[in-house]
């Protein structure tokens, strides 16, 4: 049996402002910092240890990972970064208020963009300053493939090859893996792991800064998956949080 842990980053400043974030490099709030530390303390109390970690190239995920590793006294852990673990690109919605976007396009359309499997938001236009193709962290990403907007399906398509060719070999080699990423990149990975139907993904929610454990068989099919219970009184607004039985349920 293999075990991996998935973790969404802590609260970001645009989470509090209810904005579409996507590939914008937004920082954690003070609460997000404490959420990340609390996740690290929880993993330590549960006896979780790791051999390596994977994360995106966005600071909210990187800071969350570093704070978790600090709580685990494991800042030395090898870490691999990849844009393939980034949040989905929200295209022209990036930075926009979700409430204002709903007023403009209608709640049903915005919900489809946010929660459905294959609905794609309006794309970024050529020359838009949010199209950060010249950022050095994306030097390995061909300009023609730089996402101007992504559905969850698009996110899964760019994530699965990285999962299969980079992360899976490490798991099969017996290495204990921690993946710290984003709500939608982790939704895509959970859909892949649990083989969820396209229509079932709308109800799939990845909680912020709450460790999700997957126990996998020899073929990396889930035996069970669960969220670790957080009873840490130092975690803002999280004491006594309920735990879903199966992440994909």
C-alpha atoms as a PDB file:
ATOM      1  CA  UNK A   1       0.000   0.000   0.000  1.00  0.00           C
ATOM      2  CA  UNK A   2       1.160   3.515  -0.826  1.00  0.00           C
ATOM      3  CA  UNK A   3       0.090   6.738   0.868  1.00  0.00           C
ATOM      4  CA  UNK A   4       0.201  10.309  -0.412  1.00  0.00           C
ATOM      5  CA  UNK A   5      -0.986  13.562   1.138  1.00  0.00           C
ATOM      6  CA  UNK A   6      -2.605  16.377  -0.829  1.00  0.00           C
ATOM      7  CA  UNK A   7      -2.841  19.886   0.596  1.00  0.00           C
ATOM      8  CA  UNK A   8      -4.439  23.031  -0.763  1.00  0.00           C
ATOM      9  CA  UNK A   9      -2.701  26.300   0.161  1.00  0.00           C
ATOM     10  CA  UNK A  10      -3.920  28.489   3.010  1.00  0.00           C
ATOM     11  CA  UNK A  11      -6.129  31.533   2.606  1.00  0.00           C
ATOM     12  CA  UNK A  12      -4.824  34.137   0.137  1.00  0.00           C
ATOM     13  CA  UNK A  13      -5.604  37.843  -0.019  1.00  0.00           C
ATOM     14  CA  UNK A  14      -7.797  37.343  -3.069  1.00  0.00           C
ATOM     15  CA  UNK A  15      -9.685  34.551  -1.312  1.00  0.00           C
ATOM     16  CA  UNK A  16     -10.754  37.139   1.257  1.00  0.00           C
ATOM     17  CA  UNK A  17     -11.686  39.599  -1.506  1.00  0.00           C
ATOM     18  CA  UNK A  18     -13.640  36.878  -3.360  1.00  0.00           C
ATOM     19  CA  UNK A  19     -11.692  37.380  -6.580  1.00  0.00           C
ATOM     20  CA  UNK A  20     -10.800  34.911  -9.327  1.00  0.00           C
ATOM     21  CA  UNK A  21      -7.107  34.224  -8.787  1.00  0.00           C
ATOM     22  CA  UNK A  22      -5.855  31.679 -11.326  1.00  0.00           C
ATOM     23  CA  UNK A  23      -2.199  32.182 -12.232  1.00  0.00           C
ATOM     24  CA  UNK A  24      -1.930  35.545 -10.449  1.00  0.00           C
ATOM     25  CA  UNK A  25       0.862  35.246  -7.868  1.00  0.00           C
ATOM     26  CA  UNK A  26      -1.085  36.265  -4.772  1.00  0.00           C
ATOM     27  CA  UNK A  27       0.276  35.972  -1.232  1.00  0.00           C
ATOM     28  CA  UNK A  28      -1.181  34.344   1.878  1.00  0.00           C
ATOM     29  CA  UNK A  29      -3.037  36.354   4.486  1.00  0.00           C
ATOM     30  CA  UNK A  30      -2.025  36.197   8.139  1.00  0.00           C
ATOM     31  CA  UNK A  31      -4.822  33.675   8.612  1.00  0.00           C
ATOM     32  CA  UNK A  32      -3.489  31.682   5.659  1.00  0.00           C
ATOM     33  CA  UNK A  33      -0.048  31.560   7.265  1.00  0.00           C
ATOM     34  CA  UNK A  34      -1.525  30.180  10.486  1.00  0.00           C
ATOM     35  CA  UNK A  35      -3.670  27.704   8.536  1.00  0.00           C
ATOM     36  CA  UNK A  36      -0.520  26.375   6.879  1.00  0.00           C
ATOM     37  CA  UNK A  37       1.290  26.105  10.206  1.00  0.00           C
ATOM     38  CA  UNK A  38      -1.718  24.339  11.722  1.00  0.00           C
ATOM     39  CA  UNK A  39      -1.691  21.845   8.846  1.00  0.00           C
ATOM     40  CA  UNK A  40       1.975  21.154   9.586  1.00  0.00           C
ATOM     41  CA  UNK A  41       1.268  20.648  13.283  1.00  0.00           C
ATOM     42  CA  UNK A  42      -1.573  18.288  12.403  1.00  0.00           C
ATOM     43  CA  UNK A  43       0.635  16.223  10.103  1.00  0.00           C
ATOM     44  CA  UNK A  44       3.290  16.082  12.829  1.00  0.00           C
ATOM     45  CA  UNK A  45       0.769  14.919  15.438  1.00  0.00           C
ATOM     46  CA  UNK A  46      -0.441  12.246  13.036  1.00  0.00           C
ATOM     47  CA  UNK A  47       3.114  10.983  12.619  1.00  0.00           C
ATOM     48  CA  UNK A  48       3.289  11.884   8.915  1.00  0.00           C
ATOM     49  CA  UNK A  49       6.753  12.051   7.402  1.00  0.00           C
ATOM     50  CA  UNK A  50       7.761  12.651   3.804  1.00  0.00           C
ATOM     51  CA  UNK A  51      10.685  11.980   1.497  1.00  0.00           C
ATOM     52  CA  UNK A  52       9.914  14.690  -1.043  1.00  0.00           C
ATOM     53  CA  UNK A  53       7.314  17.278  -1.952  1.00  0.00           C
ATOM     54  CA  UNK A  54       5.803  18.686  -5.105  1.00  0.00           C
ATOM     55  CA  UNK A  55       4.239  22.114  -5.510  1.00  0.00           C
ATOM     56  CA  UNK A  56       3.352  24.757  -8.075  1.00  0.00           C
ATOM     57  CA  UNK A  57       5.397  27.835  -8.955  1.00  0.00           C
ATOM     58  CA  UNK A  58       2.947  30.204  -7.227  1.00  0.00           C
ATOM     59  CA  UNK A  59       3.915  31.767  -3.900  1.00  0.00           C
ATOM     60  CA  UNK A  60       0.725  30.905  -1.994  1.00  0.00           C
ATOM     61  CA  UNK A  61       1.434  27.195  -2.494  1.00  0.00           C
ATOM     62  CA  UNK A  62       5.180  27.574  -1.944  1.00  0.00           C
ATOM     63  CA  UNK A  63       4.735  29.490   1.295  1.00  0.00           C
ATOM     64  CA  UNK A  64       2.182  26.972   2.521  1.00  0.00           C
ATOM     65  CA  UNK A  65       4.602  24.124   1.812  1.00  0.00           C
ATOM     66  CA  UNK A  66       7.511  25.892   3.520  1.00  0.00           C
ATOM     67  CA  UNK A  67       5.423  26.602   6.632  1.00  0.00           C
ATOM     68  CA  UNK A  68       4.271  22.975   6.767  1.00  0.00           C
ATOM     69  CA  UNK A  69       7.846  21.742   6.417  1.00  0.00           C
ATOM     70  CA  UNK A  70       8.982  24.127   9.144  1.00  0.00           C
ATOM     71  CA  UNK A  71       6.404  22.666  11.523  1.00  0.00           C
ATOM     72  CA  UNK A  72       7.601  19.183  10.539  1.00  0.00           C
ATOM     73  CA  UNK A  73      11.239  20.239  11.088  1.00  0.00           C
ATOM     74  CA  UNK A  74      11.835  19.149   7.497  1.00  0.00           C
ATOM     75  CA  UNK A  75      12.858  22.301   5.616  1.00  0.00           C
ATOM     76  CA  UNK A  76      15.663  20.206   4.111  1.00  0.00           C
ATOM     77  CA  UNK A  77      13.154  18.079   2.191  1.00  0.00           C
ATOM     78  CA  UNK A  78      13.666  17.953  -1.605  1.00  0.00           C
ATOM     79  CA  UNK A  79      10.985  19.990  -3.355  1.00  0.00           C
ATOM     80  CA  UNK A  80      10.081  19.967  -7.041  1.00  0.00           C
ATOM     81  CA  UNK A  81       8.166  22.892  -8.531  1.00  0.00           C
ATOM     82  CA  UNK A  82       6.079  22.739 -11.681  1.00  0.00           C
ATOM     83  CA  UNK A  83       3.655  25.066 -13.440  1.00  0.00           C
ATOM     84  CA  UNK A  84       1.618  21.936 -14.180  1.00  0.00           C
ATOM     85  CA  UNK A  85       0.492  22.038 -10.528  1.00  0.00           C
ATOM     86  CA  UNK A  86      -0.601  25.678 -10.815  1.00  0.00           C
ATOM     87  CA  UNK A  87      -4.180  26.712 -10.230  1.00  0.00           C
ATOM     88  CA  UNK A  88      -6.315  26.647 -13.384  1.00  0.00           C
ATOM     89  CA  UNK A  89      -6.070  29.777 -15.475  1.00  0.00           C
ATOM     90  CA  UNK A  90      -9.233  31.830 -15.103  1.00  0.00           C
ATOM     91  CA  UNK A  91      -8.360  33.857 -18.197  1.00  0.00           C
ATOM     92  CA  UNK A  92     -10.083  37.230 -18.469  1.00  0.00           C
ATOM     93  CA  UNK A  93     -11.846  36.607 -15.143  1.00  0.00           C
ATOM     94  CA  UNK A  94      -8.523  36.728 -13.272  1.00  0.00           C
ATOM     95  CA  UNK A  95      -8.588  39.471 -10.649  1.00  0.00           C
ATOM     96  CA  UNK A  96     -12.301  40.110 -11.122  1.00  0.00           C
ATOM     97  CA  UNK A  97     -14.790  40.071  -8.267  1.00  0.00           C
ATOM     98  CA  UNK A  98     -16.897  36.918  -8.347  1.00  0.00           C
ATOM     99  CA  UNK A  99     -19.974  38.859  -7.253  1.00  0.00           C
ATOM    100  CA  UNK A 100     -19.521  41.492  -9.969  1.00  0.00           C
ATOM    101  CA  UNK A 101     -18.859  38.785 -12.548  1.00  0.00           C
ATOM    102  CA  UNK A 102     -22.089  37.023 -11.547  1.00  0.00           C
ATOM    103  CA  UNK A 103     -24.000  40.296 -11.896  1.00  0.00           C
ATOM    104  CA  UNK A 104     -22.554  40.765 -15.377  1.00  0.00           C
ATOM    105  CA  UNK A 105     -22.815  37.249 -16.802  1.00  0.00           C
ATOM    106  CA  UNK A 106     -25.411  35.631 -14.545  1.00  0.00           C
ATOM    107  CA  UNK A 107     -24.976  33.290 -11.594  1.00  0.00           C
ATOM    108  CA  UNK A 108     -25.584  30.152 -13.677  1.00  0.00           C
ATOM    109  CA  UNK A 109     -22.846  30.993 -16.171  1.00  0.00           C
ATOM    110  CA  UNK A 110     -20.338  31.854 -13.452  1.00  0.00           C
ATOM    111  CA  UNK A 111     -21.122  28.626 -11.595  1.00  0.00           C
ATOM    112  CA  UNK A 112     -20.498  26.698 -14.810  1.00  0.00           C
ATOM    113  CA  UNK A 113     -17.120  28.396 -15.240  1.00  0.00           C
ATOM    114  CA  UNK A 114     -16.205  27.714 -11.618  1.00  0.00           C
ATOM    115  CA  UNK A 115     -17.523  24.223 -10.994  1.00  0.00           C
ATOM    116  CA  UNK A 116     -18.185  22.309 -14.231  1.00  0.00           C
ATOM    117  CA  UNK A 117     -15.669  20.033 -15.912  1.00  0.00           C
ATOM    118  CA  UNK A 118     -15.431  21.501 -19.391  1.00  0.00           C
ATOM    119  CA  UNK A 119     -16.705  25.115 -19.331  1.00  0.00           C
ATOM    120  CA  UNK A 120     -13.900  27.556 -20.182  1.00  0.00           C
ATOM    121  CA  UNK A 121     -13.943  31.218 -19.046  1.00  0.00           C
ATOM    122  CA  UNK A 122     -13.269  34.053 -21.529  1.00  0.00           C
ATOM    123  CA  UNK A 123      -9.645  33.948 -22.657  1.00  0.00           C
ATOM    124  CA  UNK A 124      -6.964  36.566 -22.091  1.00  0.00           C
ATOM    125  CA  UNK A 125      -6.298  38.638 -25.202  1.00  0.00           C
ATOM    126  CA  UNK A 126      -2.857  39.005 -26.770  1.00  0.00           C
ATOM    127  CA  UNK A 127      -0.954  41.774 -24.987  1.00  0.00           C
ATOM    128  CA  UNK A 128      -2.942  41.522 -21.748  1.00  0.00           C
ATOM    129  CA  UNK A 129      -0.579  42.238 -18.831  1.00  0.00           C
ATOM    130  CA  UNK A 130      -1.996  39.206 -17.023  1.00  0.00           C
ATOM    131  CA  UNK A 131      -0.537  36.959 -19.748  1.00  0.00           C
ATOM    132  CA  UNK A 132       2.826  36.558 -18.015  1.00  0.00           C
ATOM    133  CA  UNK A 133       4.576  34.465 -20.682  1.00  0.00           C
ATOM    134  CA  UNK A 134       7.934  36.197 -20.113  1.00  0.00           C
ATOM    135  CA  UNK A 135       8.077  35.274 -16.423  1.00  0.00           C
ATOM    136  CA  UNK A 136      11.252  33.148 -15.957  1.00  0.00           C
ATOM    137  CA  UNK A 137       9.340  30.510 -14.008  1.00  0.00           C
ATOM    138  CA  UNK A 138       7.563  29.653 -17.295  1.00  0.00           C
ATOM    139  CA  UNK A 139      10.707  29.445 -19.434  1.00  0.00           C
ATOM    140  CA  UNK A 140      10.061  25.752 -20.129  1.00  0.00           C
ATOM    141  CA  UNK A 141       6.476  26.389 -21.235  1.00  0.00           C
ATOM    142  CA  UNK A 142       6.209  27.008 -25.005  1.00  0.00           C
ATOM    143  CA  UNK A 143       4.484  30.307 -25.723  1.00  0.00           C
ATOM    144  CA  UNK A 144       1.954  28.566 -27.952  1.00  0.00           C
ATOM    145  CA  UNK A 145       0.923  26.363 -25.019  1.00  0.00           C
ATOM    146  CA  UNK A 146       0.694  29.132 -22.418  1.00  0.00           C
ATOM    147  CA  UNK A 147      -2.891  28.966 -21.137  1.00  0.00           C
ATOM    148  CA  UNK A 148      -5.061  31.986 -21.865  1.00  0.00           C
ATOM    149  CA  UNK A 149      -7.992  30.347 -20.022  1.00  0.00           C
ATOM    150  CA  UNK A 150      -8.606  26.824 -18.772  1.00  0.00           C
ATOM    151  CA  UNK A 151     -11.516  24.591 -17.916  1.00  0.00           C
ATOM    152  CA  UNK A 152     -11.016  21.945 -15.254  1.00  0.00           C
ATOM    153  CA  UNK A 153     -10.646  19.489 -18.134  1.00  0.00           C
ATOM    154  CA  UNK A 154      -7.753  21.557 -19.531  1.00  0.00           C
ATOM    155  CA  UNK A 155      -6.153  21.591 -16.083  1.00  0.00           C
ATOM    156  CA  UNK A 156      -6.402  17.813 -15.855  1.00  0.00           C
ATOM    157  CA  UNK A 157      -4.918  17.385 -19.347  1.00  0.00           C
ATOM    158  CA  UNK A 158      -1.773  19.371 -18.444  1.00  0.00           C
ATOM    159  CA  UNK A 159      -1.498  17.865 -14.946  1.00  0.00           C
ATOM    160  CA  UNK A 160      -1.897  14.124 -15.611  1.00  0.00           C
ATOM    161  CA  UNK A 161       1.291  13.707 -17.702  1.00  0.00           C
ATOM    162  CA  UNK A 162       3.291  15.281 -14.861  1.00  0.00           C
ATOM    163  CA  UNK A 163       1.573  13.006 -12.358  1.00  0.00           C
ATOM    164  CA  UNK A 164       2.284   9.908 -14.418  1.00  0.00           C
ATOM    165  CA  UNK A 165       5.848  10.626 -15.508  1.00  0.00           C
ATOM    166  CA  UNK A 166       7.267  12.508 -12.511  1.00  0.00           C
ATOM    167  CA  UNK A 167       5.241  11.850  -9.353  1.00  0.00           C
ATOM    168  CA  UNK A 168       4.062   8.255  -9.874  1.00  0.00           C
ATOM    169  CA  UNK A 169       7.588   6.821 -10.281  1.00  0.00           C
ATOM    170  CA  UNK A 170       8.526   8.337  -6.922  1.00  0.00           C
ATOM    171  CA  UNK A 171       5.471   6.792  -5.261  1.00  0.00           C
ATOM    172  CA  UNK A 172       6.166   3.384  -6.796  1.00  0.00           C
ATOM    173  CA  UNK A 173       9.758   3.635  -5.554  1.00  0.00           C
ATOM    174  CA  UNK A 174       8.331   3.779  -2.033  1.00  0.00           C
ATOM    175  CA  UNK A 175       8.959   7.459  -1.416  1.00  0.00           C
ATOM    176  CA  UNK A 176       6.494   9.290   0.822  1.00  0.00           C
ATOM    177  CA  UNK A 177       5.025  12.154  -1.202  1.00  0.00           C
ATOM    178  CA  UNK A 178       3.386  15.446  -0.195  1.00  0.00           C
ATOM    179  CA  UNK A 179       1.679  17.530  -2.904  1.00  0.00           C
ATOM    180  CA  UNK A 180       0.830  21.147  -2.067  1.00  0.00           C
ATOM    181  CA  UNK A 181      -1.166  22.863  -4.787  1.00  0.00           C
ATOM    182  CA  UNK A 182      -4.451  24.649  -5.483  1.00  0.00           C
ATOM    183  CA  UNK A 183      -8.179  24.074  -5.316  1.00  0.00           C
ATOM    184  CA  UNK A 184      -8.633  23.256  -8.991  1.00  0.00           C
ATOM    185  CA  UNK A 185      -5.360  21.494  -9.733  1.00  0.00           C
ATOM    186  CA  UNK A 186      -6.144  19.218  -6.778  1.00  0.00           C
ATOM    187  CA  UNK A 187      -9.761  18.812  -7.943  1.00  0.00           C
ATOM    188  CA  UNK A 188      -8.343  17.625 -11.272  1.00  0.00           C
ATOM    189  CA  UNK A 189      -6.000  15.177  -9.558  1.00  0.00           C
ATOM    190  CA  UNK A 190      -8.765  13.832  -7.295  1.00  0.00           C
ATOM    191  CA  UNK A 191     -11.027  13.371 -10.316  1.00  0.00           C
ATOM    192  CA  UNK A 192      -8.257  11.372 -11.971  1.00  0.00           C
ATOM    193  CA  UNK A 193      -7.518   9.271  -8.885  1.00  0.00           C
ATOM    194  CA  UNK A 194     -11.159   8.539  -8.057  1.00  0.00           C
ATOM    195  CA  UNK A 195     -12.186   8.260 -11.708  1.00  0.00           C
ATOM    196  CA  UNK A 196     -15.100  10.571 -11.094  1.00  0.00           C
ATOM    197  CA  UNK A 197     -17.650  11.069 -13.832  1.00  0.00           C
ATOM    198  CA  UNK A 198     -17.534  14.493 -15.487  1.00  0.00           C
ATOM    199  CA  UNK A 199     -20.936  15.421 -14.099  1.00  0.00           C
ATOM    200  CA  UNK A 200     -19.902  14.529 -10.530  1.00  0.00           C
ATOM    201  CA  UNK A 201     -16.982  16.940 -10.357  1.00  0.00           C
ATOM    202  CA  UNK A 202     -19.171  20.015  -9.766  1.00  0.00           C
ATOM    203  CA  UNK A 203     -19.773  18.967  -6.161  1.00  0.00           C
ATOM    204  CA  UNK A 204     -16.117  18.235  -5.429  1.00  0.00           C
ATOM    205  CA  UNK A 205     -14.598  20.745  -3.014  1.00  0.00           C
ATOM    206  CA  UNK A 206     -10.997  20.718  -1.758  1.00  0.00           C
ATOM    207  CA  UNK A 207     -10.837  22.316   1.691  1.00  0.00           C
ATOM    208  CA  UNK A 208      -8.232  24.979   2.279  1.00  0.00           C
ATOM    209  CA  UNK A 209      -5.119  23.882   4.200  1.00  0.00           C
ATOM    210  CA  UNK A 210      -6.655  20.586   5.332  1.00  0.00           C
ATOM    211  CA  UNK A 211      -4.508  17.503   4.629  1.00  0.00           C
ATOM    212  CA  UNK A 212      -6.198  14.927   2.393  1.00  0.00           C
ATOM    213  CA  UNK A 213      -4.784  11.423   2.624  1.00  0.00           C
ATOM    214  CA  UNK A 214      -4.977   8.855  -0.147  1.00  0.00           C
ATOM    215  CA  UNK A 215      -4.104   5.240   0.489  1.00  0.00           C
ATOM    216  CA  UNK A 216      -3.405   3.528  -2.839  1.00  0.00           C
ATOM    217  CA  UNK A 217      -3.054  -0.086  -3.928  1.00  0.00           C
ATOM    218  CA  UNK A 218      -0.261  -1.512  -6.102  1.00  0.00           C
ATOM    219  CA  UNK A 219      -1.952  -0.100  -9.209  1.00  0.00           C
ATOM    220  CA  UNK A 220      -2.352   3.319  -7.517  1.00  0.00           C
ATOM    221  CA  UNK A 221      -6.107   2.892  -7.291  1.00  0.00           C
ATOM    222  CA  UNK A 222      -7.544   4.407  -4.079  1.00  0.00           C
ATOM    223  CA  UNK A 223      -8.212   2.003  -1.238  1.00  0.00           C
ATOM    224  CA  UNK A 224      -9.563   4.857   0.843  1.00  0.00           C
ATOM    225  CA  UNK A 225      -9.207   8.601   1.128  1.00  0.00           C
ATOM    226  CA  UNK A 226      -9.970  10.939   3.993  1.00  0.00           C
ATOM    227  CA  UNK A 227      -9.312  14.381   5.441  1.00  0.00           C
ATOM    228  CA  UNK A 228      -7.334  14.541   8.661  1.00  0.00           C
ATOM    229  CA  UNK A 229      -9.342  15.872  11.596  1.00  0.00           C
ATOM    230  CA  UNK A 230      -8.088  19.188  12.889  1.00  0.00           C
ATOM    231  CA  UNK A 231      -8.636  19.759  16.587  1.00  0.00           C
ATOM    232  CA  UNK A 232      -5.941  22.413  16.892  1.00  0.00           C
ATOM    233  CA  UNK A 233      -7.395  25.328  18.928  1.00  0.00           C
ATOM    234  CA  UNK A 234      -4.722  27.627  17.459  1.00  0.00           C
ATOM    235  CA  UNK A 235      -6.119  27.278  13.943  1.00  0.00           C
ATOM    236  CA  UNK A 236      -8.439  30.210  13.099  1.00  0.00           C
ATOM    237  CA  UNK A 237     -12.032  29.130  12.660  1.00  0.00           C
ATOM    238  CA  UNK A 238     -11.211  25.452  12.193  1.00  0.00           C
ATOM    239  CA  UNK A 239     -11.499  23.760  15.574  1.00  0.00           C
ATOM    240  CA  UNK A 240     -13.835  20.795  15.481  1.00  0.00           C
ATOM    241  CA  UNK A 241     -13.995  20.708  11.674  1.00  0.00           C
ATOM    242  CA  UNK A 242     -15.981  17.803  10.263  1.00  0.00           C
ATOM    243  CA  UNK A 243     -14.238  15.211   8.129  1.00  0.00           C
ATOM    244  CA  UNK A 244     -15.694  13.858   4.889  1.00  0.00           C
ATOM    245  CA  UNK A 245     -15.535  10.089   4.573  1.00  0.00           C
ATOM    246  CA  UNK A 246     -14.422   9.994   0.936  1.00  0.00           C
ATOM    247  CA  UNK A 247     -12.980  13.052  -0.768  1.00  0.00           C
ATOM    248  CA  UNK A 248     -14.832  12.368  -3.970  1.00  0.00           C
ATOM    249  CA  UNK A 249     -18.166  11.636  -2.293  1.00  0.00           C
END
